[in-house]
Amino acid sequence: MIILFLHGWHSVPGGVKPTYLKEHGHEVINPALDDDHFGVAVATAQAEFDKHQPQVVVGSSRGGAVAMNINSGAAKLVLLCPAWKNWGTANAVRPDTVILHSRSDDVIPFAHSEELARNSELPTSVLREIGNDHRLADSKSLAAMLKACGAN
């Protein structure tokens, strides 16, 4: 499976989460996103999406906001603690989206993901509470991310 992984603000390609996906046999496209200009980050993500046509787009924090603001066609969206209220204009997602978020997140409030699910009229099962912090880098969170991508 081809997965486009969009990292968070002041993060870099090749972190724990995209590496985990690669270690589980997936081709992971993990571009460096501009930290200063959201529009440039969206343009980079869109260009990579158009070039590689991934089946899944995973967006972490600010990368979740980027994912929500690209034209991702029929690709599944997996949003990790999405910072959609901080960046971009999208305020809803498609019904096949999965949102993973920790109630203990001290960067992006869990309530933001609850609001996103309501805005999108998503079933409550789409928002999954997982992890102990904003990073979602613990083993259970990583396994939940992999499962949300549709991978075994």
N, C-alpha and C. Protein backbone atom coordinates (compact mmCIF):
# COMPACT_ATOMS: atom_id res chain seq x y z
N MET A 1 0.85 -1.18 0.00
CA MET A 1 0.00 0.00 0.00
C MET A 1 0.89 1.24 0.00
N ILE A 2 0.46 2.26 -0.72
CA ILE A 2 1.17 3.53 -0.71
C ILE A 2 0.46 4.47 0.27
N ILE A 3 1.23 5.03 1.20
CA ILE A 3 0.70 5.93 2.22
C ILE A 3 1.44 7.25 2.13
N LEU A 4 0.69 8.34 2.04
CA LEU A 4 1.27 9.68 2.13
C LEU A 4 1.19 10.09 3.59
N PHE A 5 2.35 10.29 4.22
CA PHE A 5 2.40 10.69 5.63
C PHE A 5 2.80 12.16 5.71
N LEU A 6 1.93 12.95 6.33
CA LEU A 6 2.15 14.39 6.46
C LEU A 6 2.47 14.72 7.92
N HIS A 7 3.69 15.14 8.16
CA HIS A 7 4.18 15.38 9.53
C HIS A 7 3.63 16.68 10.11
N GLY A 8 3.84 16.82 11.40
CA GLY A 8 3.36 18.00 12.13
C GLY A 8 4.31 19.19 12.04
N TRP A 9 3.87 20.27 12.66
CA TRP A 9 4.63 21.51 12.69
C TRP A 9 5.92 21.32 13.45
N HIS A 10 7.01 21.83 12.92
CA HIS A 10 8.36 21.68 13.51
C HIS A 10 8.74 20.22 13.70
N SER A 11 8.22 19.38 12.84
CA SER A 11 8.59 17.98 12.80
C SER A 11 9.32 17.76 11.48
N VAL A 12 9.85 16.58 11.29
CA VAL A 12 10.61 16.30 10.07
C VAL A 12 10.22 14.93 9.51
N PRO A 13 10.47 14.72 8.22
CA PRO A 13 10.24 13.39 7.66
C PRO A 13 11.11 12.34 8.37
N GLY A 14 10.64 11.10 8.34
CA GLY A 14 11.43 10.00 8.88
C GLY A 14 11.27 9.76 10.36
N GLY A 15 10.21 10.28 10.96
CA GLY A 15 9.97 10.09 12.38
C GLY A 15 9.46 8.69 12.72
N VAL A 16 9.07 8.51 13.95
CA VAL A 16 8.64 7.22 14.48
C VAL A 16 7.43 6.67 13.70
N LYS A 17 6.44 7.49 13.44
CA LYS A 17 5.20 6.99 12.82
C LYS A 17 5.39 6.57 11.37
N PRO A 18 6.00 7.41 10.50
CA PRO A 18 6.20 6.91 9.13
C PRO A 18 7.16 5.73 9.07
N THR A 19 8.14 5.71 9.95
CA THR A 19 9.07 4.58 10.01
C THR A 19 8.33 3.30 10.38
N TYR A 20 7.42 3.39 11.34
CA TYR A 20 6.60 2.25 11.75
C TYR A 20 5.80 1.71 10.55
N LEU A 21 5.21 2.60 9.79
CA LEU A 21 4.44 2.17 8.61
C LEU A 21 5.34 1.49 7.59
N LYS A 22 6.54 2.03 7.37
CA LYS A 22 7.50 1.41 6.45
C LYS A 22 7.92 0.03 6.94
N GLU A 23 8.17 -0.08 8.25
CA GLU A 23 8.59 -1.36 8.82
C GLU A 23 7.52 -2.43 8.68
N HIS A 24 6.29 -2.00 8.45
CA HIS A 24 5.19 -2.95 8.27
C HIS A 24 4.85 -3.14 6.79
N GLY A 25 5.83 -2.84 5.94
CA GLY A 25 5.75 -3.21 4.54
C GLY A 25 5.10 -2.23 3.59
N HIS A 26 4.86 -1.00 4.02
CA HIS A 26 4.18 -0.04 3.15
C HIS A 26 5.18 0.93 2.53
N GLU A 27 4.83 1.39 1.33
CA GLU A 27 5.60 2.45 0.71
C GLU A 27 5.09 3.75 1.31
N VAL A 28 5.96 4.49 1.97
CA VAL A 28 5.56 5.71 2.65
C VAL A 28 6.21 6.91 1.98
N ILE A 29 5.36 7.81 1.50
CA ILE A 29 5.81 9.07 0.92
C ILE A 29 5.73 10.07 2.07
N ASN A 30 6.85 10.69 2.43
CA ASN A 30 6.93 11.50 3.64
C ASN A 30 7.66 12.81 3.35
N PRO A 31 6.99 13.73 2.62
CA PRO A 31 7.66 14.96 2.21
C PRO A 31 7.89 15.93 3.37
N ALA A 32 8.91 16.74 3.21
CA ALA A 32 9.15 17.84 4.16
C ALA A 32 8.13 18.94 3.87
N LEU A 33 7.37 19.33 4.88
CA LEU A 33 6.35 20.36 4.73
C LEU A 33 6.85 21.67 5.31
N ASP A 34 6.58 22.75 4.61
CA ASP A 34 6.99 24.08 5.05
C ASP A 34 6.31 24.44 6.38
N ASP A 35 7.10 24.84 7.37
CA ASP A 35 6.55 25.22 8.68
C ASP A 35 6.00 26.64 8.71
N ASP A 36 6.48 27.49 7.82
CA ASP A 36 6.13 28.91 7.88
C ASP A 36 4.90 29.28 7.07
N HIS A 37 4.67 28.58 5.97
CA HIS A 37 3.57 28.94 5.07
C HIS A 37 2.67 27.74 4.85
N PHE A 38 1.48 27.79 5.42
CA PHE A 38 0.54 26.67 5.31
C PHE A 38 0.21 26.37 3.85
N GLY A 39 0.01 27.40 3.04
CA GLY A 39 -0.31 27.20 1.63
C GLY A 39 0.78 26.44 0.88
N VAL A 40 2.03 26.71 1.23
CA VAL A 40 3.15 26.00 0.61
C VAL A 40 3.13 24.54 1.06
N ALA A 41 2.85 24.29 2.33
CA ALA A 41 2.76 22.91 2.83
C ALA A 41 1.65 22.15 2.10
N VAL A 42 0.50 22.79 1.91
CA VAL A 42 -0.61 22.15 1.21
C VAL A 42 -0.22 21.87 -0.24
N ALA A 43 0.44 22.82 -0.90
CA ALA A 43 0.86 22.62 -2.29
C ALA A 43 1.85 21.46 -2.41
N THR A 44 2.78 21.34 -1.47
CA THR A 44 3.73 20.24 -1.47
C THR A 44 3.00 18.91 -1.31
N ALA A 45 2.08 18.85 -0.34
CA ALA A 45 1.32 17.63 -0.10
C ALA A 45 0.48 17.26 -1.32
N GLN A 46 -0.14 18.25 -1.93
CA GLN A 46 -0.97 17.99 -3.11
C GLN A 46 -0.13 17.45 -4.26
N ALA A 47 1.04 18.03 -4.47
CA ALA A 47 1.93 17.57 -5.54
C ALA A 47 2.35 16.12 -5.31
N GLU A 48 2.68 15.78 -4.06
CA GLU A 48 3.07 14.40 -3.74
C GLU A 48 1.89 13.44 -3.89
N PHE A 49 0.71 13.90 -3.49
CA PHE A 49 -0.49 13.06 -3.66
C PHE A 49 -0.72 12.80 -5.14
N ASP A 50 -0.69 13.85 -5.94
CA ASP A 50 -0.95 13.72 -7.37
C ASP A 50 0.07 12.81 -8.05
N LYS A 51 1.33 12.91 -7.62
CA LYS A 51 2.40 12.12 -8.22
C LYS A 51 2.30 10.64 -7.86
N HIS A 52 1.98 10.32 -6.60
CA HIS A 52 2.05 8.94 -6.11
C HIS A 52 0.69 8.25 -5.98
N GLN A 53 -0.40 9.01 -5.97
CA GLN A 53 -1.76 8.44 -5.86
C GLN A 53 -1.86 7.41 -4.72
N PRO A 54 -1.58 7.82 -3.49
CA PRO A 54 -1.64 6.87 -2.37
C PRO A 54 -3.07 6.42 -2.08
N GLN A 55 -3.18 5.27 -1.46
CA GLN A 55 -4.48 4.76 -1.02
C GLN A 55 -4.91 5.39 0.30
N VAL A 56 -3.90 5.85 1.08
CA VAL A 56 -4.17 6.41 2.41
C VAL A 56 -3.33 7.67 2.59
N VAL A 57 -3.93 8.67 3.24
CA VAL A 57 -3.20 9.87 3.66
C VAL A 57 -3.28 9.92 5.17
N VAL A 58 -2.12 9.91 5.83
CA VAL A 58 -2.05 10.04 7.29
C VAL A 58 -1.51 11.43 7.58
N GLY A 59 -2.25 12.18 8.40
CA GLY A 59 -1.81 13.52 8.78
C GLY A 59 -1.70 13.63 10.28
N SER A 60 -0.54 14.04 10.76
CA SER A 60 -0.29 14.16 12.19
C SER A 60 -0.27 15.63 12.60
N SER A 61 -1.17 16.02 13.50
CA SER A 61 -1.25 17.37 14.03
C SER A 61 -1.44 18.38 12.90
N ARG A 62 -0.48 19.27 12.66
CA ARG A 62 -0.61 20.22 11.54
C ARG A 62 -0.73 19.48 10.22
N GLY A 63 -0.06 18.33 10.12
CA GLY A 63 -0.19 17.50 8.93
C GLY A 63 -1.61 17.01 8.71
N GLY A 64 -2.37 16.87 9.81
CA GLY A 64 -3.79 16.53 9.69
C GLY A 64 -4.57 17.65 9.05
N ALA A 65 -4.23 18.89 9.42
CA ALA A 65 -4.88 20.05 8.79
C ALA A 65 -4.50 20.12 7.32
N VAL A 66 -3.24 19.83 7.00
CA VAL A 66 -2.81 19.80 5.60
C VAL A 66 -3.61 18.74 4.85
N ALA A 67 -3.72 17.55 5.43
CA ALA A 67 -4.46 16.45 4.79
C ALA A 67 -5.91 16.84 4.50
N MET A 68 -6.51 17.57 5.42
CA MET A 68 -7.91 17.99 5.25
C MET A 68 -8.06 19.03 4.14
N ASN A 69 -6.97 19.71 3.78
CA ASN A 69 -7.04 20.81 2.82
C ASN A 69 -6.49 20.45 1.44
N ILE A 70 -6.17 19.17 1.20
CA ILE A 70 -5.79 18.76 -0.15
C ILE A 70 -6.94 18.01 -0.78
N ASN A 71 -6.90 17.89 -2.09
CA ASN A 71 -7.87 17.08 -2.81
C ASN A 71 -7.33 15.65 -2.81
N SER A 72 -7.85 14.82 -1.91
CA SER A 72 -7.31 13.47 -1.74
C SER A 72 -8.17 12.41 -2.41
N GLY A 73 -9.08 12.82 -3.27
CA GLY A 73 -9.87 11.86 -4.03
C GLY A 73 -10.53 10.83 -3.14
N ALA A 74 -10.35 9.56 -3.49
CA ALA A 74 -10.97 8.47 -2.73
C ALA A 74 -10.05 7.89 -1.66
N ALA A 75 -8.86 8.48 -1.49
CA ALA A 75 -7.91 7.96 -0.49
C ALA A 75 -8.52 8.10 0.91
N LYS A 76 -8.25 7.11 1.73
CA LYS A 76 -8.70 7.14 3.12
C LYS A 76 -7.87 8.15 3.90
N LEU A 77 -8.52 8.91 4.78
CA LEU A 77 -7.80 9.84 5.65
C LEU A 77 -7.69 9.26 7.05
N VAL A 78 -6.50 9.31 7.61
CA VAL A 78 -6.26 8.94 8.99
C VAL A 78 -5.62 10.16 9.64
N LEU A 79 -6.32 10.76 10.58
CA LEU A 79 -5.87 12.00 11.21
C LEU A 79 -5.44 11.72 12.65
N LEU A 80 -4.24 12.14 12.99
CA LEU A 80 -3.67 11.93 14.32
C LEU A 80 -3.64 13.27 15.03
N CYS A 81 -4.49 13.45 16.04
CA CYS A 81 -4.56 14.71 16.78
C CYS A 81 -4.57 15.91 15.82
N PRO A 82 -5.51 15.94 14.89
CA PRO A 82 -5.46 16.96 13.84
C PRO A 82 -5.62 18.39 14.36
N ALA A 83 -4.76 19.27 13.87
CA ALA A 83 -4.76 20.68 14.28
C ALA A 83 -5.57 21.53 13.30
N TRP A 84 -6.73 21.05 12.95
CA TRP A 84 -7.56 21.70 11.93
C TRP A 84 -8.07 23.08 12.35
N LYS A 85 -8.20 23.33 13.64
CA LYS A 85 -8.68 24.64 14.09
C LYS A 85 -7.57 25.69 14.05
N ASN A 86 -6.32 25.24 13.96
CA ASN A 86 -5.18 26.14 13.95
C ASN A 86 -4.77 26.57 12.54
N TRP A 87 -5.02 25.70 11.54
CA TRP A 87 -4.56 25.95 10.18
C TRP A 87 -5.62 25.51 9.18
N GLY A 88 -5.65 26.22 8.06
CA GLY A 88 -6.50 25.82 6.95
C GLY A 88 -7.94 26.27 7.10
N THR A 89 -8.74 25.88 6.12
CA THR A 89 -10.14 26.30 6.10
C THR A 89 -11.11 25.14 6.22
N ALA A 90 -10.64 23.91 5.99
CA ALA A 90 -11.53 22.75 6.08
C ALA A 90 -11.99 22.55 7.52
N ASN A 91 -13.27 22.29 7.70
CA ASN A 91 -13.79 22.04 9.05
C ASN A 91 -14.63 20.78 9.13
N ALA A 92 -14.53 19.93 8.09
CA ALA A 92 -15.24 18.66 8.07
C ALA A 92 -14.44 17.68 7.22
N VAL A 93 -14.71 16.40 7.42
CA VAL A 93 -14.02 15.34 6.67
C VAL A 93 -15.04 14.33 6.15
N ARG A 94 -14.58 13.48 5.25
CA ARG A 94 -15.44 12.43 4.66
C ARG A 94 -15.77 11.35 5.69
N PRO A 95 -16.86 10.62 5.47
CA PRO A 95 -17.29 9.59 6.43
C PRO A 95 -16.30 8.45 6.64
N ASP A 96 -15.41 8.18 5.68
CA ASP A 96 -14.47 7.06 5.86
C ASP A 96 -13.19 7.47 6.59
N THR A 97 -13.16 8.69 7.10
CA THR A 97 -12.00 9.20 7.84
C THR A 97 -11.94 8.56 9.22
N VAL A 98 -10.73 8.31 9.71
CA VAL A 98 -10.52 7.85 11.08
C VAL A 98 -9.70 8.92 11.80
N ILE A 99 -10.13 9.27 13.00
CA ILE A 99 -9.43 10.26 13.82
C ILE A 99 -8.93 9.55 15.08
N LEU A 100 -7.63 9.61 15.31
CA LEU A 100 -7.04 9.06 16.53
C LEU A 100 -6.54 10.24 17.36
N HIS A 101 -6.90 10.26 18.63
CA HIS A 101 -6.53 11.40 19.47
C HIS A 101 -6.48 10.96 20.93
N SER A 102 -5.55 11.52 21.67
CA SER A 102 -5.44 11.25 23.10
C SER A 102 -6.20 12.30 23.90
N ARG A 103 -6.97 11.86 24.85
CA ARG A 103 -7.65 12.79 25.74
C ARG A 103 -6.64 13.56 26.59
N SER A 104 -5.42 13.01 26.73
CA SER A 104 -4.36 13.66 27.50
C SER A 104 -3.49 14.60 26.66
N ASP A 105 -3.86 14.82 25.42
CA ASP A 105 -3.10 15.70 24.53
C ASP A 105 -3.04 17.11 25.13
N ASP A 106 -1.83 17.63 25.33
CA ASP A 106 -1.68 18.97 25.91
C ASP A 106 -1.34 20.01 24.84
N VAL A 107 -1.40 19.62 23.55
CA VAL A 107 -1.11 20.53 22.44
C VAL A 107 -2.40 20.86 21.69
N ILE A 108 -3.12 19.85 21.25
CA ILE A 108 -4.39 20.01 20.54
C ILE A 108 -5.47 19.36 21.39
N PRO A 109 -6.42 20.13 21.88
CA PRO A 109 -7.45 19.57 22.77
C PRO A 109 -8.27 18.46 22.09
N PHE A 110 -8.54 17.41 22.83
CA PHE A 110 -9.39 16.30 22.37
C PHE A 110 -10.74 16.84 21.89
N ALA A 111 -11.21 17.90 22.54
CA ALA A 111 -12.51 18.50 22.17
C ALA A 111 -12.51 18.98 20.72
N HIS A 112 -11.36 19.34 20.17
CA HIS A 112 -11.29 19.76 18.76
C HIS A 112 -11.66 18.60 17.84
N SER A 113 -11.20 17.39 18.17
CA SER A 113 -11.55 16.23 17.36
C SER A 113 -13.01 15.84 17.55
N GLU A 114 -13.52 16.03 18.76
CA GLU A 114 -14.95 15.79 18.97
C GLU A 114 -15.77 16.74 18.11
N GLU A 115 -15.36 18.00 18.05
CA GLU A 115 -16.05 18.99 17.23
C GLU A 115 -15.95 18.64 15.74
N LEU A 116 -14.78 18.19 15.30
CA LEU A 116 -14.60 17.80 13.91
C LEU A 116 -15.53 16.64 13.55
N ALA A 117 -15.63 15.67 14.44
CA ALA A 117 -16.53 14.54 14.19
C ALA A 117 -17.98 15.02 14.09
N ARG A 118 -18.37 15.93 14.97
CA ARG A 118 -19.74 16.48 14.91
C ARG A 118 -19.97 17.26 13.62
N ASN A 119 -19.01 18.12 13.26
CA ASN A 119 -19.12 18.91 12.03
C ASN A 119 -19.31 18.02 10.81
N SER A 120 -18.65 16.87 10.85
CA SER A 120 -18.63 15.95 9.71
C SER A 120 -19.79 14.96 9.76
N GLU A 121 -20.56 15.02 10.85
CA GLU A 121 -21.66 14.07 11.07
C GLU A 121 -21.15 12.63 10.99
N LEU A 122 -20.01 12.41 11.63
CA LEU A 122 -19.38 11.09 11.63
C LEU A 122 -19.95 10.23 12.76
N PRO A 123 -19.99 8.93 12.55
CA PRO A 123 -20.36 8.05 13.67
C PRO A 123 -19.32 8.18 14.78
N THR A 124 -19.74 8.00 16.00
CA THR A 124 -18.82 8.17 17.13
C THR A 124 -17.63 7.22 17.05
N SER A 125 -17.78 6.08 16.38
CA SER A 125 -16.69 5.11 16.29
C SER A 125 -15.52 5.62 15.44
N VAL A 126 -15.72 6.67 14.67
CA VAL A 126 -14.66 7.21 13.82
C VAL A 126 -13.60 7.93 14.64
N LEU A 127 -14.00 8.53 15.76
CA LEU A 127 -13.06 9.18 16.67
C LEU A 127 -12.65 8.16 17.73
N ARG A 128 -11.38 7.81 17.71
CA ARG A 128 -10.88 6.78 18.62
C ARG A 128 -9.91 7.40 19.60
N GLU A 129 -10.22 7.24 20.86
CA GLU A 129 -9.36 7.74 21.93
C GLU A 129 -8.22 6.75 22.14
N ILE A 130 -6.98 7.24 21.99
CA ILE A 130 -5.82 6.36 22.12
C ILE A 130 -4.63 7.19 22.60
N GLY A 131 -3.70 6.55 23.23
CA GLY A 131 -2.44 7.20 23.58
C GLY A 131 -2.49 8.01 24.86
N ASN A 132 -1.29 8.51 25.23
CA ASN A 132 -1.10 9.22 26.48
C ASN A 132 -0.66 10.67 26.30
N ASP A 133 -0.46 11.09 25.02
CA ASP A 133 0.03 12.44 24.78
C ASP A 133 -0.21 12.81 23.31
N HIS A 134 0.31 13.94 22.91
CA HIS A 134 0.11 14.45 21.56
C HIS A 134 0.84 13.61 20.50
N ARG A 135 1.95 13.03 20.84
CA ARG A 135 2.79 12.36 19.85
C ARG A 135 2.19 11.07 19.30
N LEU A 136 1.42 10.35 20.09
CA LEU A 136 0.86 9.05 19.69
C LEU A 136 1.95 8.11 19.17
N ALA A 137 3.07 8.07 19.87
CA ALA A 137 4.20 7.25 19.45
C ALA A 137 4.37 5.99 20.29
N ASP A 138 3.45 5.72 21.21
CA ASP A 138 3.51 4.50 22.01
C ASP A 138 3.04 3.32 21.15
N SER A 139 3.33 2.10 21.59
CA SER A 139 3.06 0.92 20.77
C SER A 139 1.57 0.74 20.44
N LYS A 140 0.68 1.01 21.38
CA LYS A 140 -0.75 0.86 21.10
C LYS A 140 -1.23 1.89 20.08
N SER A 141 -0.74 3.12 20.17
CA SER A 141 -1.12 4.15 19.21
C SER A 141 -0.60 3.83 17.82
N LEU A 142 0.65 3.35 17.74
CA LEU A 142 1.21 2.99 16.44
C LEU A 142 0.42 1.85 15.81
N ALA A 143 0.06 0.86 16.61
CA ALA A 143 -0.74 -0.26 16.09
C ALA A 143 -2.12 0.22 15.64
N ALA A 144 -2.72 1.15 16.38
CA ALA A 144 -4.03 1.69 16.01
C ALA A 144 -3.93 2.47 14.70
N MET A 145 -2.83 3.20 14.52
CA MET A 145 -2.62 3.95 13.26
C MET A 145 -2.53 2.96 12.09
N LEU A 146 -1.75 1.93 12.26
CA LEU A 146 -1.57 0.92 11.21
C LEU A 146 -2.91 0.27 10.86
N LYS A 147 -3.68 -0.08 11.87
CA LYS A 147 -4.99 -0.69 11.66
C LYS A 147 -5.93 0.29 10.95
N ALA A 148 -5.91 1.56 11.35
CA ALA A 148 -6.77 2.57 10.74
C ALA A 148 -6.46 2.75 9.25
N CYS A 149 -5.20 2.49 8.88
CA CYS A 149 -4.81 2.58 7.47
C CYS A 149 -5.38 1.45 6.65
N GLY A 150 -5.91 0.44 7.34
CA GLY A 150 -6.46 -0.72 6.64
C GLY A 150 -5.44 -1.82 6.46
N ALA A 151 -4.37 -1.74 7.24
CA ALA A 151 -3.30 -2.71 7.15
C ALA A 151 -3.37 -3.68 8.32
N ASN A 152 -2.88 -4.87 8.08
CA ASN A 152 -2.87 -5.88 9.14
C ASN A 152 -1.53 -5.95 9.82
